[in-house]
Amino acid sequence: MQRVSLKHGPIALVDEAMPVIVVAPSDELVDKTLSNMQEVAARGGKIILITDAAGAATVGQGVAETILIPQISSFVAPILALIPVQLLAYHTAVAMGTDVDQPRNLAKSVTVE
């Protein structure tokens, strides 16, 4: 899994009111992810970290919340980390009063022959 650094547009959106979800299982790319987290923290962004116990120990302080996932192979860790991301999106949508079963601007494509 390739990770990219925050550049121009995305980093310009970060401020004290912006929560940033960081998926950072402990793997060979965790140092690059930590660099991005430092950029977010420097701009006052609230970091919600999804990681395993080793990743949480590596990151240390500076996160608003930490969601722990089990320590598993780095090949499947991103897939497992998506579960809390999906749940967070779902519960955020419900809290905002949106209908999660009828998303707005969803176009249905039907082919008739």
PDB file of N, CA and C in Angstrom:
ATOM      1  N   MET A   1       0.846  -1.173   0.000  1.00  0.00           N
ATOM      2  CA  MET A   1       0.000   0.000   0.000  1.00  0.00           C
ATOM      3  C   MET A   1       0.890   1.233   0.000  1.00  0.00           C
ATOM      4  N   GLN A   2       0.635   2.135  -0.923  1.00  0.00           N
ATOM      5  CA  GLN A   2       1.437   3.332  -1.041  1.00  0.00           C
ATOM      6  C   GLN A   2       0.757   4.468  -0.303  1.00  0.00           C
ATOM      7  N   ARG A   3       1.515   5.228   0.413  1.00  0.00           N
ATOM      8  CA  ARG A   3       0.983   6.392   1.109  1.00  0.00           C
ATOM      9  C   ARG A   3       1.621   7.635   0.537  1.00  0.00           C
ATOM     10  N   VAL A   4       0.863   8.690   0.474  1.00  0.00           N
ATOM     11  CA  VAL A   4       1.375   9.940  -0.085  1.00  0.00           C
ATOM     12  C   VAL A   4       1.366  11.009   0.993  1.00  0.00           C
ATOM     13  N   SER A   5       2.215  11.994   0.802  1.00  0.00           N
ATOM     14  CA  SER A   5       2.248  13.074   1.779  1.00  0.00           C
ATOM     15  C   SER A   5       1.146  14.089   1.466  1.00  0.00           C
ATOM     16  N   LEU A   6       0.802  14.858   2.464  1.00  0.00           N
ATOM     17  CA  LEU A   6      -0.218  15.891   2.296  1.00  0.00           C
ATOM     18  C   LEU A   6       0.395  17.056   1.532  1.00  0.00           C
ATOM     19  N   LYS A   7      -0.267  17.460   0.504  1.00  0.00           N
ATOM     20  CA  LYS A   7       0.225  18.557  -0.326  1.00  0.00           C
ATOM     21  C   LYS A   7      -0.849  19.621  -0.480  1.00  0.00           C
ATOM     22  N   HIS A   8      -0.454  20.785  -0.797  1.00  0.00           N
ATOM     23  CA  HIS A   8      -1.221  21.965  -1.160  1.00  0.00           C
ATOM     24  C   HIS A   8      -2.686  21.972  -0.720  1.00  0.00           C
ATOM     25  N   GLY A   9      -3.593  21.496  -1.537  1.00  0.00           N
ATOM     26  CA  GLY A   9      -5.025  21.565  -1.259  1.00  0.00           C
ATOM     27  C   GLY A   9      -5.448  20.878   0.015  1.00  0.00           C
ATOM     28  N   PRO A  10      -5.142  19.579   0.177  1.00  0.00           N
ATOM     29  CA  PRO A  10      -5.586  18.888   1.398  1.00  0.00           C
ATOM     30  C   PRO A  10      -5.028  19.500   2.682  1.00  0.00           C
ATOM     31  N   ILE A  11      -3.775  19.869   2.693  1.00  0.00           N
ATOM     32  CA  ILE A  11      -3.182  20.418   3.921  1.00  0.00           C
ATOM     33  C   ILE A  11      -3.759  21.804   4.213  1.00  0.00           C
ATOM     34  N   ALA A  12      -4.204  22.520   3.183  1.00  0.00           N
ATOM     35  CA  ALA A  12      -4.789  23.848   3.392  1.00  0.00           C
ATOM     36  C   ALA A  12      -6.130  23.761   4.108  1.00  0.00           C
ATOM     37  N   LEU A  13      -6.794  22.609   4.077  1.00  0.00           N
ATOM     38  CA  LEU A  13      -8.089  22.432   4.735  1.00  0.00           C
ATOM     39  C   LEU A  13      -7.970  22.162   6.230  1.00  0.00           C
ATOM     40  N   VAL A  14      -6.781  21.823   6.681  1.00  0.00           N
ATOM     41  CA  VAL A  14      -6.598  21.417   8.076  1.00  0.00           C
ATOM     42  C   VAL A  14      -6.539  22.642   8.989  1.00  0.00           C
ATOM     43  N   ASP A  15      -7.392  22.625  10.023  1.00  0.00           N
ATOM     44  CA  ASP A  15      -7.356  23.625  11.080  1.00  0.00           C
ATOM     45  C   ASP A  15      -7.893  22.998  12.363  1.00  0.00           C
ATOM     46  N   GLU A  16      -8.133  23.817  13.389  1.00  0.00           N
ATOM     47  CA  GLU A  16      -8.553  23.306  14.693  1.00  0.00           C
ATOM     48  C   GLU A  16      -9.900  22.592  14.646  1.00  0.00           C
ATOM     49  N   ALA A  17     -10.724  22.899  13.664  1.00  0.00           N
ATOM     50  CA  ALA A  17     -12.057  22.298  13.563  1.00  0.00           C
ATOM     51  C   ALA A  17     -12.076  21.066  12.654  1.00  0.00           C
ATOM     52  N   MET A  18     -10.933  20.691  12.112  1.00  0.00           N
ATOM     53  CA  MET A  18     -10.887  19.606  11.123  1.00  0.00           C
ATOM     54  C   MET A  18     -10.343  18.319  11.739  1.00  0.00           C
ATOM     55  N   PRO A  19     -11.211  17.318  11.924  1.00  0.00           N
ATOM     56  CA  PRO A  19     -10.682  16.016  12.351  1.00  0.00           C
ATOM     57  C   PRO A  19     -10.045  15.315  11.149  1.00  0.00           C
ATOM     58  N   VAL A  20      -8.925  14.681  11.381  1.00  0.00           N
ATOM     59  CA  VAL A  20      -8.215  13.963  10.322  1.00  0.00           C
ATOM     60  C   VAL A  20      -8.062  12.510  10.765  1.00  0.00           C
ATOM     61  N   ILE A  21      -8.592  11.593   9.956  1.00  0.00           N
ATOM     62  CA  ILE A  21      -8.491  10.174  10.268  1.00  0.00           C
ATOM     63  C   ILE A  21      -7.203   9.645   9.659  1.00  0.00           C
ATOM     64  N   VAL A  22      -6.370   9.044  10.488  1.00  0.00           N
ATOM     65  CA  VAL A  22      -5.093   8.498  10.043  1.00  0.00           C
ATOM     66  C   VAL A  22      -5.105   6.999  10.266  1.00  0.00           C
ATOM     67  N   VAL A  23      -4.912   6.248   9.182  1.00  0.00           N
ATOM     68  CA  VAL A  23      -4.785   4.797   9.265  1.00  0.00           C
ATOM     69  C   VAL A  23      -3.295   4.497   9.218  1.00  0.00           C
ATOM     70  N   ALA A  24      -2.750   3.996  10.331  1.00  0.00           N
ATOM     71  CA  ALA A  24      -1.309   3.804  10.436  1.00  0.00           C
ATOM     72  C   ALA A  24      -0.959   2.516  11.164  1.00  0.00           C
ATOM     73  N   PRO A  25      -1.190   1.365  10.520  1.00  0.00           N
ATOM     74  CA  PRO A  25      -0.728   0.128  11.158  1.00  0.00           C
ATOM     75  C   PRO A  25       0.799   0.130  11.209  1.00  0.00           C
ATOM     76  N   SER A  26       1.352  -0.571  12.171  1.00  0.00           N
ATOM     77  CA  SER A  26       2.815  -0.588  12.293  1.00  0.00           C
ATOM     78  C   SER A  26       3.388  -1.451  11.166  1.00  0.00           C
ATOM     79  N   ASP A  27       3.971  -0.788  10.196  1.00  0.00           N
ATOM     80  CA  ASP A  27       4.601  -1.467   9.080  1.00  0.00           C
ATOM     81  C   ASP A  27       5.789  -0.639   8.613  1.00  0.00           C
ATOM     82  N   GLU A  28       6.313  -0.964   7.446  1.00  0.00           N
ATOM     83  CA  GLU A  28       7.511  -0.282   6.964  1.00  0.00           C
ATOM     84  C   GLU A  28       7.267   1.163   6.548  1.00  0.00           C
ATOM     85  N   LEU A  29       6.018   1.587   6.448  1.00  0.00           N
ATOM     86  CA  LEU A  29       5.697   2.949   6.036  1.00  0.00           C
ATOM     87  C   LEU A  29       5.227   3.839   7.184  1.00  0.00           C
ATOM     88  N   VAL A  30       5.285   3.347   8.393  1.00  0.00           N
ATOM     89  CA  VAL A  30       4.747   4.110   9.523  1.00  0.00           C
ATOM     90  C   VAL A  30       5.495   5.429   9.723  1.00  0.00           C
ATOM     91  N   ASP A  31       6.780   5.483   9.422  1.00  0.00           N
ATOM     92  CA  ASP A  31       7.525   6.733   9.593  1.00  0.00           C
ATOM     93  C   ASP A  31       7.023   7.831   8.657  1.00  0.00           C
ATOM     94  N   LYS A  32       6.666   7.468   7.414  1.00  0.00           N
ATOM     95  CA  LYS A  32       6.117   8.457   6.481  1.00  0.00           C
ATOM     96  C   LYS A  32       4.756   8.956   6.963  1.00  0.00           C
ATOM     97  N   THR A  33       3.979   8.052   7.531  1.00  0.00           N
ATOM     98  CA  THR A  33       2.679   8.442   8.058  1.00  0.00           C
ATOM     99  C   THR A  33       2.845   9.383   9.246  1.00  0.00           C
ATOM    100  N   LEU A  34       3.825   9.118  10.094  1.00  0.00           N
ATOM    101  CA  LEU A  34       4.094   9.996  11.234  1.00  0.00           C
ATOM    102  C   LEU A  34       4.445  11.404  10.768  1.00  0.00           C
ATOM    103  N   SER A  35       5.162  11.514   9.676  1.00  0.00           N
ATOM    104  CA  SER A  35       5.496  12.823   9.124  1.00  0.00           C
ATOM    105  C   SER A  35       4.237  13.579   8.734  1.00  0.00           C
ATOM    106  N   ASN A  36       3.288  12.895   8.103  1.00  0.00           N
ATOM    107  CA  ASN A  36       2.012  13.532   7.747  1.00  0.00           C
ATOM    108  C   ASN A  36       1.235  13.943   8.990  1.00  0.00           C
ATOM    109  N   MET A  37       1.268  13.095  10.016  1.00  0.00           N
ATOM    110  CA  MET A  37       0.575  13.420  11.257  1.00  0.00           C
ATOM    111  C   MET A  37       1.163  14.669  11.903  1.00  0.00           C
ATOM    112  N   GLN A  38       2.476  14.821  11.824  1.00  0.00           N
ATOM    113  CA  GLN A  38       3.120  16.013  12.375  1.00  0.00           C
ATOM    114  C   GLN A  38       2.678  17.274  11.627  1.00  0.00           C
ATOM    115  N   GLU A  39       2.491  17.160  10.297  1.00  0.00           N
ATOM    116  CA  GLU A  39       1.990  18.299   9.523  1.00  0.00           C
ATOM    117  C   GLU A  39       0.589  18.687   9.980  1.00  0.00           C
ATOM    118  N   VAL A  40      -0.262  17.689  10.189  1.00  0.00           N
ATOM    119  CA  VAL A  40      -1.629  17.943  10.641  1.00  0.00           C
ATOM    120  C   VAL A  40      -1.606  18.572  12.034  1.00  0.00           C
ATOM    121  N   ALA A  41      -0.820  18.008  12.952  1.00  0.00           N
ATOM    122  CA  ALA A  41      -0.742  18.532  14.323  1.00  0.00           C
ATOM    123  C   ALA A  41      -0.214  19.966  14.341  1.00  0.00           C
ATOM    124  N   ALA A  42       0.732  20.273  13.467  1.00  0.00           N
ATOM    125  CA  ALA A  42       1.295  21.628  13.415  1.00  0.00           C
ATOM    126  C   ALA A  42       0.249  22.659  13.011  1.00  0.00           C
ATOM    127  N   ARG A  43      -0.767  22.215  12.287  1.00  0.00           N
ATOM    128  CA  ARG A  43      -1.834  23.112  11.860  1.00  0.00           C
ATOM    129  C   ARG A  43      -3.045  23.047  12.784  1.00  0.00           C
ATOM    130  N   GLY A  44      -2.928  22.314  13.876  1.00  0.00           N
ATOM    131  CA  GLY A  44      -3.983  22.254  14.872  1.00  0.00           C
ATOM    132  C   GLY A  44      -5.071  21.243  14.593  1.00  0.00           C
ATOM    133  N   GLY A  45      -4.893  20.394  13.597  1.00  0.00           N
ATOM    134  CA  GLY A  45      -5.895  19.386  13.274  1.00  0.00           C
ATOM    135  C   GLY A  45      -6.031  18.346  14.370  1.00  0.00           C
ATOM    136  N   LYS A  46      -7.228  17.851  14.558  1.00  0.00           N
ATOM    137  CA  LYS A  46      -7.499  16.793  15.538  1.00  0.00           C
ATOM    138  C   LYS A  46      -7.291  15.447  14.850  1.00  0.00           C
ATOM    139  N   ILE A  47      -6.382  14.643  15.367  1.00  0.00           N
ATOM    140  CA  ILE A  47      -6.028  13.371  14.745  1.00  0.00           C
ATOM    141  C   ILE A  47      -6.785  12.233  15.412  1.00  0.00           C
ATOM    142  N   ILE A  48      -7.489  11.463  14.585  1.00  0.00           N
ATOM    143  CA  ILE A  48      -8.121  10.216  15.019  1.00  0.00           C
ATOM    144  C   ILE A  48      -7.284   9.114  14.398  1.00  0.00           C
ATOM    145  N   LEU A  49      -6.569   8.386  15.225  1.00  0.00           N
ATOM    146  CA  LEU A  49      -5.598   7.397  14.762  1.00  0.00           C
ATOM    147  C   LEU A  49      -6.176   5.994  14.812  1.00  0.00           C
ATOM    148  N   ILE A  50      -6.072   5.273  13.709  1.00  0.00           N
ATOM    149  CA  ILE A  50      -6.456   3.867  13.645  1.00  0.00           C
ATOM    150  C   ILE A  50      -5.175   3.079  13.436  1.00  0.00           C
ATOM    151  N   THR A  51      -4.815   2.280  14.443  1.00  0.00           N
ATOM    152  CA  THR A  51      -3.538   1.576  14.408  1.00  0.00           C
ATOM    153  C   THR A  51      -3.592   0.359  15.320  1.00  0.00           C
ATOM    154  N   ASP A  52      -2.520  -0.400  15.326  1.00  0.00           N
ATOM    155  CA  ASP A  52      -2.399  -1.518  16.260  1.00  0.00           C
ATOM    156  C   ASP A  52      -1.592  -1.053  17.476  1.00  0.00           C
ATOM    157  N   ALA A  53      -1.405  -1.941  18.439  1.00  0.00           N
ATOM    158  CA  ALA A  53      -0.717  -1.564  19.682  1.00  0.00           C
ATOM    159  C   ALA A  53       0.699  -1.075  19.422  1.00  0.00           C
ATOM    160  N   ALA A  54       1.413  -1.720  18.501  1.00  0.00           N
ATOM    161  CA  ALA A  54       2.779  -1.301  18.188  1.00  0.00           C
ATOM    162  C   ALA A  54       2.794   0.079  17.531  1.00  0.00           C
ATOM    163  N   GLY A  55       1.822   0.326  16.679  1.00  0.00           N
ATOM    164  CA  GLY A  55       1.727   1.636  16.045  1.00  0.00           C
ATOM    165  C   GLY A  55       1.400   2.724  17.048  1.00  0.00           C
ATOM    166  N   ALA A  56       0.526   2.422  17.989  1.00  0.00           N
ATOM    167  CA  ALA A  56       0.174   3.392  19.032  1.00  0.00           C
ATOM    168  C   ALA A  56       1.388   3.725  19.892  1.00  0.00           C
ATOM    169  N   ALA A  57       2.210   2.715  20.177  1.00  0.00           N
ATOM    170  CA  ALA A  57       3.425   2.947  20.964  1.00  0.00           C
ATOM    171  C   ALA A  57       4.427   3.794  20.189  1.00  0.00           C
ATOM    172  N   THR A  58       4.487   3.610  18.870  1.00  0.00           N
ATOM    173  CA  THR A  58       5.409   4.376  18.034  1.00  0.00           C
ATOM    174  C   THR A  58       4.991   5.829  17.935  1.00  0.00           C
ATOM    175  N   VAL A  59       3.683   6.065  17.790  1.00  0.00           N
ATOM    176  CA  VAL A  59       3.179   7.421  17.614  1.00  0.00           C
ATOM    177  C   VAL A  59       3.345   8.236  18.878  1.00  0.00           C
ATOM    178  N   GLY A  60       3.036   7.637  20.006  1.00  0.00           N
ATOM    179  CA  GLY A  60       3.157   8.362  21.263  1.00  0.00           C
ATOM    180  C   GLY A  60       1.993   9.294  21.491  1.00  0.00           C
ATOM    181  N   GLN A  61       2.292  10.544  21.806  1.00  0.00           N
ATOM    182  CA  GLN A  61       1.268  11.526  22.155  1.00  0.00           C
ATOM    183  C   GLN A  61       0.853  12.338  20.940  1.00  0.00           C
ATOM    184  N   GLY A  62      -0.145  13.197  21.140  1.00  0.00           N
ATOM    185  CA  GLY A  62      -0.535  14.148  20.117  1.00  0.00           C
ATOM    186  C   GLY A  62      -1.744  13.772  19.291  1.00  0.00           C
ATOM    187  N   VAL A  63      -2.441  12.703  19.669  1.00  0.00           N
ATOM    188  CA  VAL A  63      -3.641  12.333  18.931  1.00  0.00           C
ATOM    189  C   VAL A  63      -4.868  12.559  19.820  1.00  0.00           C
ATOM    190  N   ALA A  64      -5.979  12.933  19.186  1.00  0.00           N
ATOM    191  CA  ALA A  64      -7.205  13.169  19.948  1.00  0.00           C
ATOM    192  C   ALA A  64      -7.814  11.853  20.403  1.00  0.00           C
ATOM    193  N   GLU A  65      -7.837  10.866  19.514  1.00  0.00           N
ATOM    194  CA  GLU A  65      -8.400   9.549  19.822  1.00  0.00           C
ATOM    195  C   GLU A  65      -7.582   8.483  19.112  1.00  0.00           C
ATOM    196  N   THR A  66      -7.523   7.304  19.727  1.00  0.00           N
ATOM    197  CA  THR A  66      -6.860   6.160  19.100  1.00  0.00           C
ATOM    198  C   THR A  66      -7.832   4.993  19.066  1.00  0.00           C
ATOM    199  N   ILE A  67      -7.983   4.411  17.898  1.00  0.00           N
ATOM    200  CA  ILE A  67      -8.802   3.215  17.716  1.00  0.00           C
ATOM    201  C   ILE A  67      -7.841   2.077  17.427  1.00  0.00           C
ATOM    202  N   LEU A  68      -7.825   1.092  18.312  1.00  0.00           N
ATOM    203  CA  LEU A  68      -6.888  -0.024  18.154  1.00  0.00           C
ATOM    204  C   LEU A  68      -7.499  -1.154  17.337  1.00  0.00           C
ATOM    205  N   ILE A  69      -6.692  -1.671  16.412  1.00  0.00           N
ATOM    206  CA  ILE A  69      -7.051  -2.865  15.656  1.00  0.00           C
ATOM    207  C   ILE A  69      -6.047  -3.948  16.035  1.00  0.00           C
ATOM    208  N   PRO A  70      -6.381  -5.214  15.826  1.00  0.00           N
ATOM    209  CA  PRO A  70      -5.430  -6.276  16.161  1.00  0.00           C
ATOM    210  C   PRO A  70      -4.171  -6.201  15.298  1.00  0.00           C
ATOM    211  N   GLN A  71      -3.068  -6.676  15.841  1.00  0.00           N
ATOM    212  CA  GLN A  71      -1.817  -6.726  15.085  1.00  0.00           C
ATOM    213  C   GLN A  71      -1.885  -7.935  14.152  1.00  0.00           C
ATOM    214  N   ILE A  72      -1.905  -7.663  12.847  1.00  0.00           N
ATOM    215  CA  ILE A  72      -1.978  -8.729  11.846  1.00  0.00           C
ATOM    216  C   ILE A  72      -1.003  -8.420  10.714  1.00  0.00           C
ATOM    217  N   SER A  73      -0.971  -9.274   9.734  1.00  0.00           N
ATOM    218  CA  SER A  73      -0.089  -9.092   8.580  1.00  0.00           C
ATOM    219  C   SER A  73      -0.296  -7.717   7.952  1.00  0.00           C
ATOM    220  N   SER A  74       0.798  -7.083   7.545  1.00  0.00           N
ATOM    221  CA  SER A  74       0.694  -5.763   6.922  1.00  0.00           C
ATOM    222  C   SER A  74      -0.054  -5.826   5.592  1.00  0.00           C
ATOM    223  N   PHE A  75      -0.189  -7.012   5.037  1.00  0.00           N
ATOM    224  CA  PHE A  75      -0.924  -7.180   3.785  1.00  0.00           C
ATOM    225  C   PHE A  75      -2.423  -6.949   3.979  1.00  0.00           C
ATOM    226  N   VAL A  76      -2.979  -7.407   5.087  1.00  0.00           N
ATOM    227  CA  VAL A  76      -4.420  -7.277   5.324  1.00  0.00           C
ATOM    228  C   VAL A  76      -4.777  -6.196   6.343  1.00  0.00           C
ATOM    229  N   ALA A  77      -3.806  -5.602   6.992  1.00  0.00           N
ATOM    230  CA  ALA A  77      -4.093  -4.572   7.995  1.00  0.00           C
ATOM    231  C   ALA A  77      -4.910  -3.404   7.434  1.00  0.00           C
ATOM    232  N   PRO A  78      -4.621  -2.900   6.223  1.00  0.00           N
ATOM    233  CA  PRO A  78      -5.445  -1.797   5.706  1.00  0.00           C
ATOM    234  C   PRO A  78      -6.911  -2.200   5.519  1.00  0.00           C
ATOM    235  N   ILE A  79      -7.154  -3.440   5.168  1.00  0.00           N
ATOM    236  CA  ILE A  79      -8.536  -3.902   4.995  1.00  0.00           C
ATOM    237  C   ILE A  79      -9.253  -3.907   6.337  1.00  0.00           C
ATOM    238  N   LEU A  80      -8.578  -4.414   7.358  1.00  0.00           N
ATOM    239  CA  LEU A  80      -9.163  -4.437   8.697  1.00  0.00           C
ATOM    240  C   LEU A  80      -9.392  -3.019   9.224  1.00  0.00           C
ATOM    241  N   ALA A  81      -8.480  -2.110   8.904  1.00  0.00           N
ATOM    242  CA  ALA A  81      -8.594  -0.734   9.387  1.00  0.00           C
ATOM    243  C   ALA A  81      -9.773  -0.005   8.750  1.00  0.00           C
ATOM    244  N   LEU A  82     -10.252  -0.480   7.619  1.00  0.00           N
ATOM    245  CA  LEU A  82     -11.385   0.179   6.967  1.00  0.00           C
ATOM    246  C   LEU A  82     -12.697  -0.023   7.722  1.00  0.00           C
ATOM    247  N   ILE A  83     -12.779  -1.054   8.531  1.00  0.00           N
ATOM    248  CA  ILE A  83     -14.017  -1.296   9.287  1.00  0.00           C
ATOM    249  C   ILE A  83     -14.327  -0.132  10.226  1.00  0.00           C
ATOM    250  N   PRO A  84     -13.387   0.311  11.068  1.00  0.00           N
ATOM    251  CA  PRO A  84     -13.718   1.471  11.905  1.00  0.00           C
ATOM    252  C   PRO A  84     -13.942   2.750  11.096  1.00  0.00           C
ATOM    253  N   VAL A  85     -13.300   2.886   9.941  1.00  0.00           N
ATOM    254  CA  VAL A  85     -13.523   4.062   9.096  1.00  0.00           C
ATOM    255  C   VAL A  85     -14.969   4.058   8.585  1.00  0.00           C
ATOM    256  N   GLN A  86     -15.443   2.894   8.129  1.00  0.00           N
ATOM    257  CA  GLN A  86     -16.823   2.785   7.663  1.00  0.00           C
ATOM    258  C   GLN A  86     -17.820   3.066   8.784  1.00  0.00           C
ATOM    259  N   LEU A  87     -17.554   2.515   9.970  1.00  0.00           N
ATOM    260  CA  LEU A  87     -18.452   2.757  11.107  1.00  0.00           C
ATOM    261  C   LEU A  87     -18.454   4.232  11.510  1.00  0.00           C
ATOM    262  N   LEU A  88     -17.298   4.860  11.481  1.00  0.00           N
ATOM    263  CA  LEU A  88     -17.208   6.281  11.801  1.00  0.00           C
ATOM    264  C   LEU A  88     -18.008   7.104  10.786  1.00  0.00           C
ATOM    265  N   ALA A  89     -17.893   6.765   9.506  1.00  0.00           N
ATOM    266  CA  ALA A  89     -18.649   7.473   8.469  1.00  0.00           C
ATOM    267  C   ALA A  89     -20.149   7.268   8.665  1.00  0.00           C
ATOM    268  N   TYR A  90     -20.540   6.043   8.949  1.00  0.00           N
ATOM    269  CA  TYR A  90     -21.955   5.735   9.155  1.00  0.00           C
ATOM    270  C   TYR A  90     -22.531   6.533  10.326  1.00  0.00           C
ATOM    271  N   HIS A  91     -21.871   6.461  11.480  1.00  0.00           N
ATOM    272  CA  HIS A  91     -22.390   7.128  12.667  1.00  0.00           C
ATOM    273  C   HIS A  91     -22.337   8.652  12.541  1.00  0.00           C
ATOM    274  N   THR A  92     -21.362   9.173  11.817  1.00  0.00           N
ATOM    275  CA  THR A  92     -21.312  10.611  11.562  1.00  0.00           C
ATOM    276  C   THR A  92     -22.500  11.037  10.711  1.00  0.00           C
ATOM    277  N   ALA A  93     -22.790  10.254   9.670  1.00  0.00           N
ATOM    278  CA  ALA A  93     -23.935  10.569   8.807  1.00  0.00           C
ATOM    279  C   ALA A  93     -25.244  10.523   9.581  1.00  0.00           C
ATOM    280  N   VAL A  94     -25.398   9.512  10.430  1.00  0.00           N
ATOM    281  CA  VAL A  94     -26.616   9.398  11.243  1.00  0.00           C
ATOM    282  C   VAL A  94     -26.719  10.587  12.199  1.00  0.00           C
ATOM    283  N   ALA A  95     -25.608  10.958  12.838  1.00  0.00           N
ATOM    284  CA  ALA A  95     -25.615  12.094  13.772  1.00  0.00           C
ATOM    285  C   ALA A  95     -25.953  13.409  13.069  1.00  0.00           C
ATOM    286  N   MET A  96     -25.598  13.505  11.800  1.00  0.00           N
ATOM    287  CA  MET A  96     -25.904  14.710  11.025  1.00  0.00           C
ATOM    288  C   MET A  96     -27.326  14.701  10.482  1.00  0.00           C
ATOM    289  N   GLY A  97     -28.031  13.594  10.693  1.00  0.00           N
ATOM    290  CA  GLY A  97     -29.416  13.520  10.261  1.00  0.00           C
ATOM    291  C   GLY A  97     -29.612  13.139   8.805  1.00  0.00           C
ATOM    292  N   THR A  98     -28.597  12.628   8.155  1.00  0.00           N
ATOM    293  CA  THR A  98     -28.759  12.227   6.759  1.00  0.00           C
ATOM    294  C   THR A  98     -29.294  10.806   6.685  1.00  0.00           C
ATOM    295  N   ASP A  99     -29.957  10.503   5.590  1.00  0.00           N
ATOM    296  CA  ASP A  99     -30.501   9.170   5.376  1.00  0.00           C
ATOM    297  C   ASP A  99     -29.413   8.317   4.737  1.00  0.00           C
ATOM    298  N   VAL A 100     -28.829   7.427   5.502  1.00  0.00           N
ATOM    299  CA  VAL A 100     -27.705   6.624   5.001  1.00  0.00           C
ATOM    300  C   VAL A 100     -28.145   5.609   3.959  1.00  0.00           C
ATOM    301  N   ASP A 101     -29.446   5.336   3.882  1.00  0.00           N
ATOM    302  CA  ASP A 101     -29.951   4.396   2.891  1.00  0.00           C
ATOM    303  C   ASP A 101     -30.348   5.079   1.585  1.00  0.00           C
ATOM    304  N   GLN A 102     -30.392   6.387   1.580  1.00  0.00           N
ATOM    305  CA  GLN A 102     -30.745   7.161   0.386  1.00  0.00           C
ATOM    306  C   GLN A 102     -29.758   8.322   0.222  1.00  0.00           C
ATOM    307  N   PRO A 103     -28.510   8.038  -0.164  1.00  0.00           N
ATOM    308  CA  PRO A 103     -27.530   9.131  -0.294  1.00  0.00           C
ATOM    309  C   PRO A 103     -27.956  10.135  -1.368  1.00  0.00           C
ATOM    310  N   ARG A 104     -27.717  11.408  -1.106  1.00  0.00           N
ATOM    311  CA  ARG A 104     -28.079  12.424  -2.101  1.00  0.00           C
ATOM    312  C   ARG A 104     -27.115  12.346  -3.277  1.00  0.00           C
ATOM    313  N   ASN A 105     -27.567  12.813  -4.402  1.00  0.00           N
ATOM    314  CA  ASN A 105     -26.786  12.838  -5.643  1.00  0.00           C
ATOM    315  C   ASN A 105     -26.371  11.448  -6.121  1.00  0.00           C
ATOM    316  N   LEU A 106     -27.068  10.424  -5.690  1.00  0.00           N
ATOM    317  CA  LEU A 106     -26.770   9.078  -6.163  1.00  0.00           C
ATOM    318  C   LEU A 106     -27.594   8.831  -7.423  1.00  0.00           C
ATOM    319  N   ALA A 107     -26.904   8.672  -8.531  1.00  0.00           N
ATOM    320  CA  ALA A 107     -27.592   8.451  -9.803  1.00  0.00           C
ATOM    321  C   ALA A 107     -27.659   6.956 -10.063  1.00  0.00           C
ATOM    322  N   LYS A 108     -28.848   6.503 -10.390  1.00  0.00           N
ATOM    323  CA  LYS A 108     -29.021   5.082 -10.692  1.00  0.00           C
ATOM    324  C   LYS A 108     -28.986   4.923 -12.208  1.00  0.00           C
ATOM    325  N   SER A 109     -28.158   4.037 -12.652  1.00  0.00           N
ATOM    326  CA  SER A 109     -28.029   3.798 -14.082  1.00  0.00           C
ATOM    327  C   SER A 109     -28.789   2.522 -14.451  1.00  0.00           C
ATOM    328  N   VAL A 110     -29.721   2.674 -15.379  1.00  0.00           N
ATOM    329  CA  VAL A 110     -30.524   1.533 -15.816  1.00  0.00           C
ATOM    330  C   VAL A 110     -30.404   1.429 -17.332  1.00  0.00           C
ATOM    331  N   THR A 111     -30.088   0.254 -17.799  1.00  0.00           N
ATOM    332  CA  THR A 111     -30.000   0.012 -19.236  1.00  0.00           C
ATOM    333  C   THR A 111     -31.225  -0.765 -19.661  1.00  0.00           C
ATOM    334  N   VAL A 112     -31.960  -0.223 -20.624  1.00  0.00           N
ATOM    335  CA  VAL A 112     -33.154  -0.877 -21.135  1.00  0.00           C
ATOM    336  C   VAL A 112     -32.912  -1.237 -22.593  1.00  0.00           C
ATOM    337  N   GLU A 113     -33.198  -2.477 -22.939  1.00  0.00           N
ATOM    338  CA  GLU A 113     -33.012  -2.891 -24.328  1.00  0.00           C
ATOM    339  C   GLU A 113     -34.338  -3.108 -24.989  1.00  0.00           C
TER     340      GLU A 113
END
